[in-house]
């Protein structure tokens, strides 16, 4: 069964930013590009560093781990370069009014 978790207001995050949310035992990196939000697991699958602290590659829709440079697709969670080889979780995001919610299965 899925549940929705309210993370923030739409206007709380400017476009081109990433922010970490700790909720229900999960670390989630929420990313905003224009009016689209993406949510992936915030821990790099290679060395357990926070992805939301890394560089956001807007054109590629990727988030780069600041420690070793692995990048992860915001759409699939799959690493797009080494040293990471395992994907991170991806979560659906829904907007309800001006609130941004993540769907946890």
Protein backbone atom coordinates (compact mmCIF):
# COMPACT_ATOMS: atom_id res chain seq x y z
CA UNK A 1 0.00 0.00 0.00
CA UNK A 2 1.30 3.47 -0.90
CA UNK A 3 1.25 6.57 1.23
CA UNK A 4 1.94 10.21 0.48
CA UNK A 5 4.33 12.23 2.61
CA UNK A 6 4.20 16.02 2.57
CA UNK A 7 7.75 17.34 2.14
CA UNK A 8 7.45 21.08 1.53
CA UNK A 9 5.68 23.87 -0.28
CA UNK A 10 6.29 24.24 -4.01
CA UNK A 11 7.74 27.72 -3.51
CA UNK A 12 10.07 26.54 -0.70
CA UNK A 13 12.56 25.28 -3.31
CA UNK A 14 13.86 27.41 -6.17
CA UNK A 15 14.44 25.78 -9.54
CA UNK A 16 17.88 24.20 -9.91
CA UNK A 17 18.19 23.11 -6.28
CA UNK A 18 18.31 19.87 -4.30
CA UNK A 19 17.35 19.41 -0.67
CA UNK A 20 17.46 16.48 1.73
CA UNK A 21 14.43 15.34 3.70
CA UNK A 22 14.53 12.70 6.44
CA UNK A 23 11.12 11.13 6.83
CA UNK A 24 9.77 7.74 7.88
CA UNK A 25 13.31 6.39 8.20
CA UNK A 26 14.17 7.41 4.63
CA UNK A 27 16.67 9.97 3.39
CA UNK A 28 15.18 11.55 0.27
CA UNK A 29 16.81 14.03 -2.10
CA UNK A 30 14.12 16.28 -3.55
CA UNK A 31 15.18 18.15 -6.69
CA UNK A 32 13.40 20.92 -8.56
CA UNK A 33 14.10 21.69 -12.22
CA UNK A 34 11.75 24.38 -13.53
CA UNK A 35 8.29 23.21 -12.35
CA UNK A 36 9.20 19.51 -12.21
CA UNK A 37 10.17 17.79 -8.98
CA UNK A 38 12.18 14.57 -8.67
CA UNK A 39 12.76 12.44 -5.58
CA UNK A 40 15.53 9.86 -5.22
CA UNK A 41 17.28 8.16 -2.33
CA UNK A 42 19.74 10.63 -0.83
CA UNK A 43 22.56 8.16 -0.13
CA UNK A 44 25.12 7.35 -2.84
CA UNK A 45 25.10 3.60 -3.49
CA UNK A 46 28.88 3.60 -3.81
CA UNK A 47 30.04 5.18 -0.56
CA UNK A 48 26.97 6.31 1.42
CA UNK A 49 27.41 10.09 0.97
CA UNK A 50 24.54 12.57 0.68
CA UNK A 51 23.57 13.17 -2.96
CA UNK A 52 21.64 16.35 -2.18
CA UNK A 53 24.95 17.99 -1.22
CA UNK A 54 26.38 17.30 -4.67
CA UNK A 55 26.10 19.17 -7.94
CA UNK A 56 22.81 19.18 -9.83
CA UNK A 57 23.31 18.65 -13.57
CA UNK A 58 20.15 20.29 -14.88
CA UNK A 59 20.45 19.48 -18.59
CA UNK A 60 21.25 15.83 -17.90
CA UNK A 61 18.68 15.51 -15.09
CA UNK A 62 21.35 13.99 -12.86
CA UNK A 63 22.66 14.49 -9.36
CA UNK A 64 26.38 14.08 -8.74
CA UNK A 65 27.85 12.63 -5.55
CA UNK A 66 30.26 15.22 -4.18
CA UNK A 67 32.70 12.63 -2.80
CA UNK A 68 33.65 10.43 -5.78
CA UNK A 69 31.80 11.97 -8.75
CA UNK A 70 29.24 9.27 -9.55
CA UNK A 71 26.13 10.72 -11.14
CA UNK A 72 22.61 9.35 -10.79
CA UNK A 73 19.61 9.77 -13.09
CA UNK A 74 16.78 11.66 -11.41
CA UNK A 75 14.33 9.69 -13.54
CA UNK A 76 15.59 6.13 -13.02
CA UNK A 77 17.99 6.30 -10.07
CA UNK A 78 20.59 4.43 -12.13
CA UNK A 79 24.22 5.54 -11.95
CA UNK A 80 25.43 7.08 -15.19
CA UNK A 81 29.14 6.85 -14.41
CA UNK A 82 31.54 4.99 -12.13
CA UNK A 83 32.45 4.29 -9.43
CA UNK A 84 28.79 3.63 -8.45
CA UNK A 85 27.23 0.59 -10.10
CA UNK A 86 23.98 0.17 -8.12
CA UNK A 87 20.91 2.39 -8.51
CA UNK A 88 19.33 4.45 -5.74
CA UNK A 89 15.56 4.37 -5.11
CA UNK A 90 13.28 6.68 -7.08
CA UNK A 91 10.00 7.98 -5.66
CA UNK A 92 6.96 9.42 -7.41
CA UNK A 93 6.25 13.07 -6.64
CA UNK A 94 2.79 14.63 -6.72
CA UNK A 95 1.70 18.22 -6.31
CA UNK A 96 -1.44 18.87 -4.30
CA UNK A 97 -2.20 22.56 -4.41
CA UNK A 98 1.07 24.25 -3.45
CA UNK A 99 2.40 21.22 -1.52
CA UNK A 100 5.02 18.73 -2.77
CA UNK A 101 4.37 15.15 -1.69
CA UNK A 102 6.42 12.02 -2.24
CA UNK A 103 4.74 8.64 -2.72
CA UNK A 104 6.23 5.81 -0.70
CA UNK A 105 5.24 2.26 -1.67
